[in-house]
Amino acid sequence: MAGDPDHEVGVVAGEFAAVAVSIDHAGNGPRLRLEDLSGGKVAYLDALELETLAWLPREQLAVLLDPSHHRWRDPAAGPEN
């Protein structure tokens, strides 16, 4: 959209998550902008990262899908926890 740095695609929601998806044009090139609607965390994925996800076998996503690896960790506990 002219003058609008983000082009909203929509919201992807399910039982455990809701994410707003848009295309961001403010960086060096277009990238996917993902916003966790429950916590406000924003992440950006460029074309190479998206292609990697498309080719990644589902079983290798298991570690990424476990929220205990990053999301629910206590930052005060240090890197070992």
PDB file of N, CA and C in Angstrom:
ATOM      1  N   MET A   1       0.828  -1.167   0.000  1.00  0.00           N
ATOM      2  CA  MET A   1       0.000   0.000   0.000  1.00  0.00           C
ATOM      3  C   MET A   1       0.883   1.245   0.000  1.00  0.00           C
ATOM      4  N   ALA A   2       0.600   2.179  -0.820  1.00  0.00           N
ATOM      5  CA  ALA A   2       1.426   3.383  -0.934  1.00  0.00           C
ATOM      6  C   ALA A   2       1.388   4.187   0.354  1.00  0.00           C
ATOM      7  N   GLY A   3       2.564   4.561   0.851  1.00  0.00           N
ATOM      8  CA  GLY A   3       2.662   5.348   2.063  1.00  0.00           C
ATOM      9  C   GLY A   3       2.542   4.548   3.349  1.00  0.00           C
ATOM     10  N   ASP A   4       2.094   3.324   3.275  1.00  0.00           N
ATOM     11  CA  ASP A   4       1.930   2.473   4.442  1.00  0.00           C
ATOM     12  C   ASP A   4       3.069   1.465   4.485  1.00  0.00           C
ATOM     13  N   PRO A   5       3.962   1.543   5.501  1.00  0.00           N
ATOM     14  CA  PRO A   5       5.106   0.633   5.529  1.00  0.00           C
ATOM     15  C   PRO A   5       4.705  -0.826   5.740  1.00  0.00           C
ATOM     16  N   ASP A   6       3.569  -1.065   6.373  1.00  0.00           N
ATOM     17  CA  ASP A   6       3.107  -2.431   6.600  1.00  0.00           C
ATOM     18  C   ASP A   6       1.845  -2.703   5.804  1.00  0.00           C
ATOM     19  N   HIS A   7       1.812  -3.868   5.190  1.00  0.00           N
ATOM     20  CA  HIS A   7       0.618  -4.330   4.502  1.00  0.00           C
ATOM     21  C   HIS A   7       0.093  -5.509   5.295  1.00  0.00           C
ATOM     22  N   GLU A   8      -0.997  -5.303   6.038  1.00  0.00           N
ATOM     23  CA  GLU A   8      -1.533  -6.364   6.882  1.00  0.00           C
ATOM     24  C   GLU A   8      -2.127  -7.466   6.025  1.00  0.00           C
ATOM     25  N   VAL A   9      -1.704  -8.684   6.327  1.00  0.00           N
ATOM     26  CA  VAL A   9      -2.230  -9.852   5.632  1.00  0.00           C
ATOM     27  C   VAL A   9      -3.424 -10.402   6.398  1.00  0.00           C
ATOM     28  N   GLY A  10      -3.303 -10.463   7.722  1.00  0.00           N
ATOM     29  CA  GLY A  10      -4.398 -10.956   8.539  1.00  0.00           C
ATOM     30  C   GLY A  10      -3.901 -11.492   9.860  1.00  0.00           C
ATOM     31  N   VAL A  11      -4.767 -12.252  10.513  1.00  0.00           N
ATOM     32  CA  VAL A  11      -4.446 -12.864  11.792  1.00  0.00           C
ATOM     33  C   VAL A  11      -4.567 -14.367  11.632  1.00  0.00           C
ATOM     34  N   VAL A  12      -3.561 -15.070  12.131  1.00  0.00           N
ATOM     35  CA  VAL A  12      -3.582 -16.529  12.176  1.00  0.00           C
ATOM     36  C   VAL A  12      -3.760 -16.891  13.648  1.00  0.00           C
ATOM     37  N   ALA A  13      -4.856 -17.566  13.968  1.00  0.00           N
ATOM     38  CA  ALA A  13      -5.155 -17.881  15.364  1.00  0.00           C
ATOM     39  C   ALA A  13      -5.576 -19.334  15.496  1.00  0.00           C
ATOM     40  N   GLY A  14      -5.265 -19.882  16.653  1.00  0.00           N
ATOM     41  CA  GLY A  14      -5.651 -21.242  16.972  1.00  0.00           C
ATOM     42  C   GLY A  14      -5.875 -21.350  18.466  1.00  0.00           C
ATOM     43  N   GLU A  15      -5.934 -22.566  18.943  1.00  0.00           N
ATOM     44  CA  GLU A  15      -6.211 -22.816  20.351  1.00  0.00           C
ATOM     45  C   GLU A  15      -5.146 -22.232  21.281  1.00  0.00           C
ATOM     46  N   PHE A  16      -3.884 -22.243  20.846  1.00  0.00           N
ATOM     47  CA  PHE A  16      -2.782 -21.855  21.726  1.00  0.00           C
ATOM     48  C   PHE A  16      -2.075 -20.559  21.346  1.00  0.00           C
ATOM     49  N   ALA A  17      -2.430 -19.944  20.238  1.00  0.00           N
ATOM     50  CA  ALA A  17      -1.707 -18.747  19.801  1.00  0.00           C
ATOM     51  C   ALA A  17      -2.547 -17.921  18.839  1.00  0.00           C
ATOM     52  N   ALA A  18      -2.220 -16.628  18.788  1.00  0.00           N
ATOM     53  CA  ALA A  18      -2.815 -15.714  17.807  1.00  0.00           C
ATOM     54  C   ALA A  18      -1.709 -14.761  17.356  1.00  0.00           C
ATOM     55  N   VAL A  19      -1.500 -14.694  16.045  1.00  0.00           N
ATOM     56  CA  VAL A  19      -0.406 -13.909  15.481  1.00  0.00           C
ATOM     57  C   VAL A  19      -0.938 -13.031  14.348  1.00  0.00           C
ATOM     58  N   ALA A  20      -0.615 -11.740  14.409  1.00  0.00           N
ATOM     59  CA  ALA A  20      -0.931 -10.831  13.307  1.00  0.00           C
ATOM     60  C   ALA A  20       0.215 -10.913  12.304  1.00  0.00           C
ATOM     61  N   VAL A  21      -0.134 -11.055  11.038  1.00  0.00           N
ATOM     62  CA  VAL A  21       0.854 -11.212   9.971  1.00  0.00           C
ATOM     63  C   VAL A  21       0.740 -10.029   9.020  1.00  0.00           C
ATOM     64  N   SER A  22       1.899  -9.411   8.729  1.00  0.00           N
ATOM     65  CA  SER A  22       1.914  -8.314   7.762  1.00  0.00           C
ATOM     66  C   SER A  22       3.235  -8.330   7.009  1.00  0.00           C
ATOM     67  N   ILE A  23       3.277  -7.597   5.913  1.00  0.00           N
ATOM     68  CA  ILE A  23       4.501  -7.444   5.129  1.00  0.00           C
ATOM     69  C   ILE A  23       5.094  -6.087   5.480  1.00  0.00           C
ATOM     70  N   ASP A  24       6.328  -6.096   5.966  1.00  0.00           N
ATOM     71  CA  ASP A  24       7.026  -4.876   6.361  1.00  0.00           C
ATOM     72  C   ASP A  24       7.951  -4.441   5.227  1.00  0.00           C
ATOM     73  N   HIS A  25       7.874  -3.180   4.853  1.00  0.00           N
ATOM     74  CA  HIS A  25       8.714  -2.639   3.784  1.00  0.00           C
ATOM     75  C   HIS A  25       9.692  -1.586   4.293  1.00  0.00           C
ATOM     76  N   ALA A  26       9.833  -1.452   5.630  1.00  0.00           N
ATOM     77  CA  ALA A  26      10.686  -0.416   6.209  1.00  0.00           C
ATOM     78  C   ALA A  26      12.160  -0.811   6.252  1.00  0.00           C
ATOM     79  N   GLY A  27      12.491  -2.083   6.086  1.00  0.00           N
ATOM     80  CA  GLY A  27      13.882  -2.536   6.149  1.00  0.00           C
ATOM     81  C   GLY A  27      14.559  -2.438   4.791  1.00  0.00           C
ATOM     82  N   ASN A  28      15.593  -3.236   4.602  1.00  0.00           N
ATOM     83  CA  ASN A  28      16.332  -3.243   3.331  1.00  0.00           C
ATOM     84  C   ASN A  28      15.558  -3.901   2.198  1.00  0.00           C
ATOM     85  N   GLY A  29      14.554  -4.645   2.540  1.00  0.00           N
ATOM     86  CA  GLY A  29      13.709  -5.308   1.556  1.00  0.00           C
ATOM     87  C   GLY A  29      12.465  -5.798   2.259  1.00  0.00           C
ATOM     88  N   PRO A  30      11.486  -6.284   1.523  1.00  0.00           N
ATOM     89  CA  PRO A  30      10.266  -6.759   2.170  1.00  0.00           C
ATOM     90  C   PRO A  30      10.564  -7.960   3.069  1.00  0.00           C
ATOM     91  N   ARG A  31       9.856  -8.003   4.185  1.00  0.00           N
ATOM     92  CA  ARG A  31      10.003  -9.122   5.115  1.00  0.00           C
ATOM     93  C   ARG A  31       8.678  -9.330   5.814  1.00  0.00           C
ATOM     94  N   LEU A  32       8.490 -10.529   6.310  1.00  0.00           N
ATOM     95  CA  LEU A  32       7.272 -10.868   7.023  1.00  0.00           C
ATOM     96  C   LEU A  32       7.376 -10.356   8.456  1.00  0.00           C
ATOM     97  N   ARG A  33       6.359  -9.656   8.902  1.00  0.00           N
ATOM     98  CA  ARG A  33       6.298  -9.171  10.283  1.00  0.00           C
ATOM     99  C   ARG A  33       5.276 -10.009  11.024  1.00  0.00           C
ATOM    100  N   LEU A  34       5.700 -10.605  12.133  1.00  0.00           N
ATOM    101  CA  LEU A  34       4.830 -11.445  12.946  1.00  0.00           C
ATOM    102  C   LEU A  34       4.709 -10.817  14.324  1.00  0.00           C
ATOM    103  N   GLU A  35       3.487 -10.622  14.793  1.00  0.00           N
ATOM    104  CA  GLU A  35       3.267 -10.052  16.119  1.00  0.00           C
ATOM    105  C   GLU A  35       2.414 -10.996  16.947  1.00  0.00           C
ATOM    106  N   ASP A  36       2.973 -11.463  18.065  1.00  0.00           N
ATOM    107  CA  ASP A  36       2.251 -12.301  19.016  1.00  0.00           C
ATOM    108  C   ASP A  36       1.203 -11.427  19.694  1.00  0.00           C
ATOM    109  N   LEU A  37      -0.057 -11.714  19.466  1.00  0.00           N
ATOM    110  CA  LEU A  37      -1.117 -10.854  19.973  1.00  0.00           C
ATOM    111  C   LEU A  37      -1.337 -10.994  21.477  1.00  0.00           C
ATOM    112  N   SER A  38      -0.848 -12.052  22.084  1.00  0.00           N
ATOM    113  CA  SER A  38      -1.017 -12.191  23.531  1.00  0.00           C
ATOM    114  C   SER A  38       0.070 -11.459  24.313  1.00  0.00           C
ATOM    115  N   GLY A  39       1.260 -11.340  23.747  1.00  0.00           N
ATOM    116  CA  GLY A  39       2.345 -10.704  24.483  1.00  0.00           C
ATOM    117  C   GLY A  39       2.962  -9.506  23.810  1.00  0.00           C
ATOM    118  N   GLY A  40       2.628  -9.256  22.552  1.00  0.00           N
ATOM    119  CA  GLY A  40       3.150  -8.097  21.845  1.00  0.00           C
ATOM    120  C   GLY A  40       4.535  -8.278  21.237  1.00  0.00           C
ATOM    121  N   LYS A  41       5.151  -9.449  21.395  1.00  0.00           N
ATOM    122  CA  LYS A  41       6.477  -9.707  20.819  1.00  0.00           C
ATOM    123  C   LYS A  41       6.367  -9.669  19.295  1.00  0.00           C
ATOM    124  N   VAL A  42       7.342  -8.999  18.652  1.00  0.00           N
ATOM    125  CA  VAL A  42       7.361  -8.878  17.196  1.00  0.00           C
ATOM    126  C   VAL A  42       8.630  -9.522  16.654  1.00  0.00           C
ATOM    127  N   ALA A  43       8.484 -10.261  15.570  1.00  0.00           N
ATOM    128  CA  ALA A  43       9.628 -10.869  14.890  1.00  0.00           C
ATOM    129  C   ALA A  43       9.494 -10.593  13.395  1.00  0.00           C
ATOM    130  N   TYR A  44      10.640 -10.551  12.726  1.00  0.00           N
ATOM    131  CA  TYR A  44      10.679 -10.333  11.279  1.00  0.00           C
ATOM    132  C   TYR A  44      11.398 -11.501  10.628  1.00  0.00           C
ATOM    133  N   LEU A  45      10.876 -11.979   9.508  1.00  0.00           N
ATOM    134  CA  LEU A  45      11.503 -13.062   8.754  1.00  0.00           C
ATOM    135  C   LEU A  45      11.716 -12.600   7.323  1.00  0.00           C
ATOM    136  N   ASP A  46      12.964 -12.706   6.843  1.00  0.00           N
ATOM    137  CA  ASP A  46      13.244 -12.347   5.453  1.00  0.00           C
ATOM    138  C   ASP A  46      13.000 -13.553   4.549  1.00  0.00           C
ATOM    139  N   ALA A  47      13.210 -13.377   3.269  1.00  0.00           N
ATOM    140  CA  ALA A  47      12.917 -14.426   2.292  1.00  0.00           C
ATOM    141  C   ALA A  47      13.733 -15.699   2.550  1.00  0.00           C
ATOM    142  N   LEU A  48      14.998 -15.556   2.911  1.00  0.00           N
ATOM    143  CA  LEU A  48      15.831 -16.739   3.170  1.00  0.00           C
ATOM    144  C   LEU A  48      15.317 -17.515   4.382  1.00  0.00           C
ATOM    145  N   GLU A  49      14.937 -16.814   5.431  1.00  0.00           N
ATOM    146  CA  GLU A  49      14.403 -17.488   6.619  1.00  0.00           C
ATOM    147  C   GLU A  49      13.082 -18.184   6.309  1.00  0.00           C
ATOM    148  N   LEU A  50      12.236 -17.552   5.516  1.00  0.00           N
ATOM    149  CA  LEU A  50      10.971 -18.169   5.141  1.00  0.00           C
ATOM    150  C   LEU A  50      11.174 -19.397   4.266  1.00  0.00           C
ATOM    151  N   GLU A  51      12.125 -19.302   3.329  1.00  0.00           N
ATOM    152  CA  GLU A  51      12.424 -20.458   2.485  1.00  0.00           C
ATOM    153  C   GLU A  51      12.942 -21.625   3.322  1.00  0.00           C
ATOM    154  N   THR A  52      13.766 -21.321   4.319  1.00  0.00           N
ATOM    155  CA  THR A  52      14.283 -22.357   5.206  1.00  0.00           C
ATOM    156  C   THR A  52      13.138 -23.056   5.936  1.00  0.00           C
ATOM    157  N   LEU A  53      12.165 -22.291   6.420  1.00  0.00           N
ATOM    158  CA  LEU A  53      11.013 -22.899   7.078  1.00  0.00           C
ATOM    159  C   LEU A  53      10.220 -23.785   6.122  1.00  0.00           C
ATOM    160  N   ALA A  54      10.106 -23.351   4.873  1.00  0.00           N
ATOM    161  CA  ALA A  54       9.362 -24.141   3.882  1.00  0.00           C
ATOM    162  C   ALA A  54      10.030 -25.488   3.616  1.00  0.00           C
ATOM    163  N   TRP A  55      11.350 -25.533   3.660  1.00  0.00           N
ATOM    164  CA  TRP A  55      12.089 -26.760   3.366  1.00  0.00           C
ATOM    165  C   TRP A  55      12.385 -27.602   4.601  1.00  0.00           C
ATOM    166  N   LEU A  56      12.267 -27.036   5.793  1.00  0.00           N
ATOM    167  CA  LEU A  56      12.610 -27.730   7.022  1.00  0.00           C
ATOM    168  C   LEU A  56      11.651 -28.887   7.289  1.00  0.00           C
ATOM    169  N   PRO A  57      12.183 -30.088   7.516  1.00  0.00           N
ATOM    170  CA  PRO A  57      11.300 -31.215   7.853  1.00  0.00           C
ATOM    171  C   PRO A  57      10.522 -30.937   9.143  1.00  0.00           C
ATOM    172  N   ARG A  58       9.288 -31.372   9.198  1.00  0.00           N
ATOM    173  CA  ARG A  58       8.413 -31.110  10.345  1.00  0.00           C
ATOM    174  C   ARG A  58       9.029 -31.552  11.667  1.00  0.00           C
ATOM    175  N   GLU A  59       9.715 -32.684  11.672  1.00  0.00           N
ATOM    176  CA  GLU A  59      10.290 -33.176  12.932  1.00  0.00           C
ATOM    177  C   GLU A  59      11.364 -32.229  13.484  1.00  0.00           C
ATOM    178  N   GLN A  60      12.011 -31.458  12.616  1.00  0.00           N
ATOM    179  CA  GLN A  60      13.017 -30.506  13.085  1.00  0.00           C
ATOM    180  C   GLN A  60      12.388 -29.239  13.662  1.00  0.00           C
ATOM    181  N   LEU A  61      11.100 -29.054  13.452  1.00  0.00           N
ATOM    182  CA  LEU A  61      10.394 -27.924  14.043  1.00  0.00           C
ATOM    183  C   LEU A  61      10.026 -28.185  15.507  1.00  0.00           C
ATOM    184  N   ALA A  62      10.096 -29.430  15.952  1.00  0.00           N
ATOM    185  CA  ALA A  62       9.658 -29.796  17.300  1.00  0.00           C
ATOM    186  C   ALA A  62      10.339 -28.947  18.369  1.00  0.00           C
ATOM    187  N   VAL A  63      11.639 -28.744  18.258  1.00  0.00           N
ATOM    188  CA  VAL A  63      12.368 -27.945  19.248  1.00  0.00           C
ATOM    189  C   VAL A  63      11.882 -26.497  19.223  1.00  0.00           C
ATOM    190  N   LEU A  64      11.563 -25.976  18.062  1.00  0.00           N
ATOM    191  CA  LEU A  64      11.073 -24.603  17.952  1.00  0.00           C
ATOM    192  C   LEU A  64       9.670 -24.448  18.531  1.00  0.00           C
ATOM    193  N   LEU A  65       8.890 -25.508  18.460  1.00  0.00           N
ATOM    194  CA  LEU A  65       7.509 -25.449  18.921  1.00  0.00           C
ATOM    195  C   LEU A  65       7.370 -25.633  20.422  1.00  0.00           C
ATOM    196  N   ASP A  66       8.445 -25.977  21.116  1.00  0.00           N
ATOM    197  CA  ASP A  66       8.414 -26.159  22.564  1.00  0.00           C
ATOM    198  C   ASP A  66       8.658 -24.803  23.234  1.00  0.00           C
ATOM    199  N   PRO A  67       7.603 -24.166  23.766  1.00  0.00           N
ATOM    200  CA  PRO A  67       7.768 -22.826  24.327  1.00  0.00           C
ATOM    201  C   PRO A  67       8.664 -22.772  25.555  1.00  0.00           C
ATOM    202  N   SER A  68       8.949 -23.898  26.172  1.00  0.00           N
ATOM    203  CA  SER A  68       9.798 -23.883  27.363  1.00  0.00           C
ATOM    204  C   SER A  68      11.252 -23.571  27.030  1.00  0.00           C
ATOM    205  N   HIS A  69      11.619 -23.636  25.757  1.00  0.00           N
ATOM    206  CA  HIS A  69      12.998 -23.325  25.373  1.00  0.00           C
ATOM    207  C   HIS A  69      13.306 -21.838  25.472  1.00  0.00           C
ATOM    208  N   HIS A  70      12.311 -20.973  25.256  1.00  0.00           N
ATOM    209  CA  HIS A  70      12.568 -19.536  25.298  1.00  0.00           C
ATOM    210  C   HIS A  70      11.438 -18.749  25.967  1.00  0.00           C
ATOM    211  N   ARG A  71      10.234 -19.051  25.611  1.00  0.00           N
ATOM    212  CA  ARG A  71       9.114 -18.192  25.988  1.00  0.00           C
ATOM    213  C   ARG A  71       8.828 -18.178  27.481  1.00  0.00           C
ATOM    214  N   TRP A  72       8.888 -19.320  28.135  1.00  0.00           N
ATOM    215  CA  TRP A  72       8.499 -19.380  29.536  1.00  0.00           C
ATOM    216  C   TRP A  72       9.690 -19.471  30.469  1.00  0.00           C
ATOM    217  N   ARG A  73      10.865 -19.121  30.008  1.00  0.00           N
ATOM    218  CA  ARG A  73      12.048 -19.164  30.863  1.00  0.00           C
ATOM    219  C   ARG A  73      12.100 -17.931  31.748  1.00  0.00           C
ATOM    220  N   ASP A  74      12.674 -18.111  32.922  1.00  0.00           N
ATOM    221  CA  ASP A  74      12.882 -17.006  33.848  1.00  0.00           C
ATOM    222  C   ASP A  74      14.197 -16.343  33.505  1.00  0.00           C
ATOM    223  N   PRO A  75      14.205 -15.111  32.964  1.00  0.00           N
ATOM    224  CA  PRO A  75      15.451 -14.466  32.566  1.00  0.00           C
ATOM    225  C   PRO A  75      16.422 -14.281  33.744  1.00  0.00           C
ATOM    226  N   ALA A  76      15.907 -14.180  34.956  1.00  0.00           N
ATOM    227  CA  ALA A  76      16.762 -14.001  36.133  1.00  0.00           C
ATOM    228  C   ALA A  76      17.494 -15.288  36.502  1.00  0.00           C
ATOM    229  N   ALA A  77      17.027 -16.431  35.987  1.00  0.00           N
ATOM    230  CA  ALA A  77      17.627 -17.720  36.337  1.00  0.00           C
ATOM    231  C   ALA A  77      18.946 -17.963  35.628  1.00  0.00           C
ATOM    232  N   GLY A  78      19.244 -17.201  34.590  1.00  0.00           N
ATOM    233  CA  GLY A  78      20.505 -17.365  33.876  1.00  0.00           C
ATOM    234  C   GLY A  78      20.367 -18.272  32.677  1.00  0.00           C
ATOM    235  N   PRO A  79      21.451 -18.442  31.902  1.00  0.00           N
ATOM    236  CA  PRO A  79      21.402 -19.181  30.648  1.00  0.00           C
ATOM    237  C   PRO A  79      21.230 -20.692  30.802  1.00  0.00           C
ATOM    238  N   GLU A  80      21.532 -21.266  31.946  1.00  0.00           N
ATOM    239  CA  GLU A  80      21.426 -22.720  32.094  1.00  0.00           C
ATOM    240  C   GLU A  80      19.977 -23.192  32.216  1.00  0.00           C
ATOM    241  N   ASN A  81      19.067 -22.318  32.606  1.00  0.00           N
ATOM    242  CA  ASN A  81      17.677 -22.749  32.811  1.00  0.00           C
ATOM    243  C   ASN A  81      16.819 -22.444  31.641  1.00  0.00           C
TER     244      ASN A  81
END
